[in-house]
Amino acid sequence: MCKGQFQSKNPEAFEHLKTKLVVQCDNCSKKILRMPSELKNTKHSFCGHSCKAEFQSKKER
């Protein structure tokens, strides 16, 4: 059975993959989507590398 057939017969098996949370970038406050597992072990969320770098440079001052 291929993945597509399995998904059509068992849609609940992949529901956990659709769960994303809306959070704000800690630097620019832009709304971003993150998986709960991505938020588990981190204090901050960023929309990109440039926002993370800018945040870290402000923190060092």
PDB file of N, CA and C in Angstrom:
ATOM      1  N   MET A   1       0.845  -1.169   0.000  1.00  0.00           N
ATOM      2  CA  MET A   1       0.000   0.000   0.000  1.00  0.00           C
ATOM      3  C   MET A   1       0.904   1.252   0.000  1.00  0.00           C
ATOM      4  N   CYS A   2       0.616   2.191  -0.874  1.00  0.00           N
ATOM      5  CA  CYS A   2       1.419   3.415  -0.930  1.00  0.00           C
ATOM      6  C   CYS A   2       0.947   4.415   0.120  1.00  0.00           C
ATOM      7  N   LYS A   3       1.743   5.443   0.350  1.00  0.00           N
ATOM      8  CA  LYS A   3       1.451   6.434   1.382  1.00  0.00           C
ATOM      9  C   LYS A   3       0.101   7.114   1.144  1.00  0.00           C
ATOM     10  N   GLY A   4      -0.190   7.455  -0.097  1.00  0.00           N
ATOM     11  CA  GLY A   4      -1.452   8.118  -0.430  1.00  0.00           C
ATOM     12  C   GLY A   4      -2.657   7.267  -0.099  1.00  0.00           C
ATOM     13  N   GLN A   5      -2.585   5.985  -0.393  1.00  0.00           N
ATOM     14  CA  GLN A   5      -3.689   5.072  -0.075  1.00  0.00           C
ATOM     15  C   GLN A   5      -3.853   4.945   1.436  1.00  0.00           C
ATOM     16  N   PHE A   6      -2.728   4.836   2.140  1.00  0.00           N
ATOM     17  CA  PHE A   6      -2.782   4.724   3.594  1.00  0.00           C
ATOM     18  C   PHE A   6      -3.398   5.975   4.207  1.00  0.00           C
ATOM     19  N   GLN A   7      -2.997   7.154   3.725  1.00  0.00           N
ATOM     20  CA  GLN A   7      -3.531   8.409   4.252  1.00  0.00           C
ATOM     21  C   GLN A   7      -5.024   8.533   4.008  1.00  0.00           C
ATOM     22  N   SER A   8      -5.478   8.113   2.831  1.00  0.00           N
ATOM     23  CA  SER A   8      -6.907   8.232   2.536  1.00  0.00           C
ATOM     24  C   SER A   8      -7.736   7.285   3.398  1.00  0.00           C
ATOM     25  N   LYS A   9      -7.177   6.157   3.776  1.00  0.00           N
ATOM     26  CA  LYS A   9      -7.899   5.197   4.618  1.00  0.00           C
ATOM     27  C   LYS A   9      -7.717   5.489   6.109  1.00  0.00           C
ATOM     28  N   ASN A  10      -6.646   6.197   6.481  1.00  0.00           N
ATOM     29  CA  ASN A  10      -6.319   6.483   7.880  1.00  0.00           C
ATOM     30  C   ASN A  10      -5.925   7.948   8.073  1.00  0.00           C
ATOM     31  N   PRO A  11      -6.823   8.884   7.820  1.00  0.00           N
ATOM     32  CA  PRO A  11      -6.446  10.302   7.891  1.00  0.00           C
ATOM     33  C   PRO A  11      -5.973  10.740   9.279  1.00  0.00           C
ATOM     34  N   GLU A  12      -6.476  10.107  10.328  1.00  0.00           N
ATOM     35  CA  GLU A  12      -6.077  10.492  11.684  1.00  0.00           C
ATOM     36  C   GLU A  12      -4.618  10.172  11.986  1.00  0.00           C
ATOM     37  N   ALA A  13      -4.012   9.293  11.226  1.00  0.00           N
ATOM     38  CA  ALA A  13      -2.616   8.911  11.451  1.00  0.00           C
ATOM     39  C   ALA A  13      -1.653  10.061  11.169  1.00  0.00           C
ATOM     40  N   PHE A  14      -2.073  11.061  10.393  1.00  0.00           N
ATOM     41  CA  PHE A  14      -1.196  12.167  10.028  1.00  0.00           C
ATOM     42  C   PHE A  14      -1.676  13.521  10.561  1.00  0.00           C
ATOM     43  N   GLU A  15      -2.694  13.512  11.413  1.00  0.00           N
ATOM     44  CA  GLU A  15      -3.221  14.766  11.956  1.00  0.00           C
ATOM     45  C   GLU A  15      -2.173  15.535  12.753  1.00  0.00           C
ATOM     46  N   HIS A  16      -1.311  14.830  13.469  1.00  0.00           N
ATOM     47  CA  HIS A  16      -0.297  15.508  14.286  1.00  0.00           C
ATOM     48  C   HIS A  16       0.672  16.324  13.435  1.00  0.00           C
ATOM     49  N   LEU A  17       0.784  16.026  12.166  1.00  0.00           N
ATOM     50  CA  LEU A  17       1.686  16.759  11.284  1.00  0.00           C
ATOM     51  C   LEU A  17       1.108  18.108  10.870  1.00  0.00           C
ATOM     52  N   LYS A  18      -0.193  18.286  11.045  1.00  0.00           N
ATOM     53  CA  LYS A  18      -0.858  19.510  10.629  1.00  0.00           C
ATOM     54  C   LYS A  18      -0.917  20.551  11.748  1.00  0.00           C
ATOM     55  N   THR A  19      -0.541  20.181  12.946  1.00  0.00           N
ATOM     56  CA  THR A  19      -0.670  21.057  14.098  1.00  0.00           C
ATOM     57  C   THR A  19       0.476  22.057  14.154  1.00  0.00           C
ATOM     58  N   LYS A  20       0.166  23.309  13.880  1.00  0.00           N
ATOM     59  CA  LYS A  20       1.155  24.381  13.997  1.00  0.00           C
ATOM     60  C   LYS A  20       0.549  25.483  14.846  1.00  0.00           C
ATOM     61  N   LEU A  21       1.389  26.156  15.584  1.00  0.00           N
ATOM     62  CA  LEU A  21       0.949  27.240  16.445  1.00  0.00           C
ATOM     63  C   LEU A  21       1.430  28.572  15.888  1.00  0.00           C
ATOM     64  N   VAL A  22       0.636  29.600  16.090  1.00  0.00           N
ATOM     65  CA  VAL A  22       1.027  30.950  15.678  1.00  0.00           C
ATOM     66  C   VAL A  22       1.752  31.591  16.851  1.00  0.00           C
ATOM     67  N   VAL A  23       2.987  32.012  16.620  1.00  0.00           N
ATOM     68  CA  VAL A  23       3.782  32.715  17.630  1.00  0.00           C
ATOM     69  C   VAL A  23       4.365  33.964  16.980  1.00  0.00           C
ATOM     70  N   GLN A  24       4.928  34.837  17.793  1.00  0.00           N
ATOM     71  CA  GLN A  24       5.518  36.061  17.263  1.00  0.00           C
ATOM     72  C   GLN A  24       7.033  35.972  17.299  1.00  0.00           C
ATOM     73  N   CYS A  25       7.647  36.514  16.272  1.00  0.00           N
ATOM     74  CA  CYS A  25       9.101  36.629  16.239  1.00  0.00           C
ATOM     75  C   CYS A  25       9.514  37.531  17.401  1.00  0.00           C
ATOM     76  N   ASP A  26      10.501  37.096  18.171  1.00  0.00           N
ATOM     77  CA  ASP A  26      10.935  37.866  19.338  1.00  0.00           C
ATOM     78  C   ASP A  26      11.716  39.122  18.971  1.00  0.00           C
ATOM     79  N   ASN A  27      12.043  39.288  17.710  1.00  0.00           N
ATOM     80  CA  ASN A  27      12.757  40.486  17.287  1.00  0.00           C
ATOM     81  C   ASN A  27      11.830  41.494  16.610  1.00  0.00           C
ATOM     82  N   CYS A  28      11.091  41.064  15.605  1.00  0.00           N
ATOM     83  CA  CYS A  28      10.280  42.004  14.813  1.00  0.00           C
ATOM     84  C   CYS A  28       8.774  41.883  15.046  1.00  0.00           C
ATOM     85  N   SER A  29       8.354  40.917  15.851  1.00  0.00           N
ATOM     86  CA  SER A  29       6.944  40.682  16.201  1.00  0.00           C
ATOM     87  C   SER A  29       6.087  40.172  15.042  1.00  0.00           C
ATOM     88  N   LYS A  30       6.710  39.744  13.969  1.00  0.00           N
ATOM     89  CA  LYS A  30       5.974  39.159  12.850  1.00  0.00           C
ATOM     90  C   LYS A  30       5.372  37.830  13.306  1.00  0.00           C
ATOM     91  N   LYS A  31       4.153  37.536  12.867  1.00  0.00           N
ATOM     92  CA  LYS A  31       3.519  36.265  13.212  1.00  0.00           C
ATOM     93  C   LYS A  31       4.117  35.145  12.365  1.00  0.00           C
ATOM     94  N   ILE A  32       4.486  34.050  13.024  1.00  0.00           N
ATOM     95  CA  ILE A  32       5.092  32.912  12.344  1.00  0.00           C
ATOM     96  C   ILE A  32       4.448  31.619  12.845  1.00  0.00           C
ATOM     97  N   LEU A  33       4.524  30.570  12.048  1.00  0.00           N
ATOM     98  CA  LEU A  33       3.987  29.266  12.416  1.00  0.00           C
ATOM     99  C   LEU A  33       5.121  28.359  12.873  1.00  0.00           C
ATOM    100  N   ARG A  34       4.908  27.680  13.991  1.00  0.00           N
ATOM    101  CA  ARG A  34       5.900  26.753  14.509  1.00  0.00           C
ATOM    102  C   ARG A  34       5.201  25.491  15.024  1.00  0.00           C
ATOM    103  N   MET A  35       5.880  24.381  14.860  1.00  0.00           N
ATOM    104  CA  MET A  35       5.405  23.121  15.413  1.00  0.00           C
ATOM    105  C   MET A  35       5.633  23.147  16.928  1.00  0.00           C
ATOM    106  N   PRO A  36       4.745  22.525  17.706  1.00  0.00           N
ATOM    107  CA  PRO A  36       4.951  22.485  19.159  1.00  0.00           C
ATOM    108  C   PRO A  36       6.317  21.920  19.541  1.00  0.00           C
ATOM    109  N   SER A  37       6.806  20.957  18.807  1.00  0.00           N
ATOM    110  CA  SER A  37       8.109  20.362  19.116  1.00  0.00           C
ATOM    111  C   SER A  37       9.248  21.366  18.919  1.00  0.00           C
ATOM    112  N   GLU A  38       9.055  22.346  18.022  1.00  0.00           N
ATOM    113  CA  GLU A  38      10.078  23.372  17.798  1.00  0.00           C
ATOM    114  C   GLU A  38      10.136  24.374  18.955  1.00  0.00           C
ATOM    115  N   LEU A  39       9.039  24.480  19.695  1.00  0.00           N
ATOM    116  CA  LEU A  39       8.961  25.447  20.782  1.00  0.00           C
ATOM    117  C   LEU A  39       9.343  24.852  22.132  1.00  0.00           C
ATOM    118  N   LYS A  40       9.420  23.540  22.180  1.00  0.00           N
ATOM    119  CA  LYS A  40       9.647  22.834  23.443  1.00  0.00           C
ATOM    120  C   LYS A  40      10.921  23.248  24.167  1.00  0.00           C
ATOM    121  N   ASN A  41      12.030  23.270  23.488  1.00  0.00           N
ATOM    122  CA  ASN A  41      13.332  23.487  24.133  1.00  0.00           C
ATOM    123  C   ASN A  41      13.984  24.816  23.774  1.00  0.00           C
ATOM    124  N   THR A  42      13.178  25.822  23.486  1.00  0.00           N
ATOM    125  CA  THR A  42      13.746  27.111  23.109  1.00  0.00           C
ATOM    126  C   THR A  42      13.040  28.245  23.844  1.00  0.00           C
ATOM    127  N   LYS A  43      13.785  29.272  24.156  1.00  0.00           N
ATOM    128  CA  LYS A  43      13.209  30.437  24.837  1.00  0.00           C
ATOM    129  C   LYS A  43      12.653  31.453  23.848  1.00  0.00           C
ATOM    130  N   HIS A  44      13.249  31.510  22.641  1.00  0.00           N
ATOM    131  CA  HIS A  44      12.893  32.530  21.663  1.00  0.00           C
ATOM    132  C   HIS A  44      12.543  31.907  20.318  1.00  0.00           C
ATOM    133  N   SER A  45      11.706  32.629  19.561  1.00  0.00           N
ATOM    134  CA  SER A  45      11.354  32.216  18.203  1.00  0.00           C
ATOM    135  C   SER A  45      11.649  33.373  17.258  1.00  0.00           C
ATOM    136  N   PHE A  46      12.206  33.038  16.096  1.00  0.00           N
ATOM    137  CA  PHE A  46      12.565  34.066  15.118  1.00  0.00           C
ATOM    138  C   PHE A  46      12.033  33.685  13.744  1.00  0.00           C
ATOM    139  N   CYS A  47      11.726  34.694  12.927  1.00  0.00           N
ATOM    140  CA  CYS A  47      11.209  34.436  11.590  1.00  0.00           C
ATOM    141  C   CYS A  47      12.324  34.101  10.606  1.00  0.00           C
ATOM    142  N   GLY A  48      13.562  34.412  10.960  1.00  0.00           N
ATOM    143  CA  GLY A  48      14.682  34.099  10.076  1.00  0.00           C
ATOM    144  C   GLY A  48      16.014  34.334  10.755  1.00  0.00           C
ATOM    145  N   HIS A  49      17.076  33.995  10.033  1.00  0.00           N
ATOM    146  CA  HIS A  49      18.431  34.135  10.570  1.00  0.00           C
ATOM    147  C   HIS A  49      18.779  35.601  10.845  1.00  0.00           C
ATOM    148  N   SER A  50      18.325  36.491   9.980  1.00  0.00           N
ATOM    149  CA  SER A  50      18.673  37.904  10.166  1.00  0.00           C
ATOM    150  C   SER A  50      18.026  38.468  11.433  1.00  0.00           C
ATOM    151  N   CYS A  51      16.804  38.063  11.727  1.00  0.00           N
ATOM    152  CA  CYS A  51      16.151  38.525  12.952  1.00  0.00           C
ATOM    153  C   CYS A  51      16.842  37.951  14.184  1.00  0.00           C
ATOM    154  N   LYS A  52      17.260  36.716  14.100  1.00  0.00           N
ATOM    155  CA  LYS A  52      17.974  36.109  15.223  1.00  0.00           C
ATOM    156  C   LYS A  52      19.289  36.846  15.472  1.00  0.00           C
ATOM    157  N   ALA A  53      20.028  37.144  14.410  1.00  0.00           N
ATOM    158  CA  ALA A  53      21.305  37.840  14.535  1.00  0.00           C
ATOM    159  C   ALA A  53      21.102  39.247  15.103  1.00  0.00           C
ATOM    160  N   GLU A  54      20.086  39.941  14.634  1.00  0.00           N
ATOM    161  CA  GLU A  54      19.793  41.292  15.128  1.00  0.00           C
ATOM    162  C   GLU A  54      19.426  41.254  16.618  1.00  0.00           C
ATOM    163  N   PHE A  55      18.620  40.302  17.003  1.00  0.00           N
ATOM    164  CA  PHE A  55      18.224  40.119  18.398  1.00  0.00           C
ATOM    165  C   PHE A  55      19.435  39.860  19.283  1.00  0.00           C
ATOM    166  N   GLN A  56      20.324  38.981  18.815  1.00  0.00           N
ATOM    167  CA  GLN A  56      21.509  38.639  19.595  1.00  0.00           C
ATOM    168  C   GLN A  56      22.463  39.830  19.711  1.00  0.00           C
ATOM    169  N   SER A  57      22.563  40.647  18.655  1.00  0.00           N
ATOM    170  CA  SER A  57      23.450  41.807  18.723  1.00  0.00           C
ATOM    171  C   SER A  57      22.900  42.860  19.685  1.00  0.00           C
ATOM    172  N   LYS A  58      21.576  43.004  19.763  1.00  0.00           N
ATOM    173  CA  LYS A  58      20.957  43.929  20.729  1.00  0.00           C
ATOM    174  C   LYS A  58      21.193  43.441  22.144  1.00  0.00           C
ATOM    175  N   LYS A  59      21.130  42.141  22.328  1.00  0.00           N
ATOM    176  CA  LYS A  59      21.282  41.534  23.654  1.00  0.00           C
ATOM    177  C   LYS A  59      22.696  41.740  24.198  1.00  0.00           C
ATOM    178  N   GLU A  60      23.693  41.779  23.312  1.00  0.00           N
ATOM    179  CA  GLU A  60      25.098  41.907  23.715  1.00  0.00           C
ATOM    180  C   GLU A  60      25.446  43.321  24.160  1.00  0.00           C
ATOM    181  N   ARG A  61      24.663  44.305  23.760  1.00  0.00           N
ATOM    182  CA  ARG A  61      24.966  45.708  24.069  1.00  0.00           C
ATOM    183  C   ARG A  61      24.771  46.033  25.521  1.00  0.00           C
TER     184      ARG A  61
END
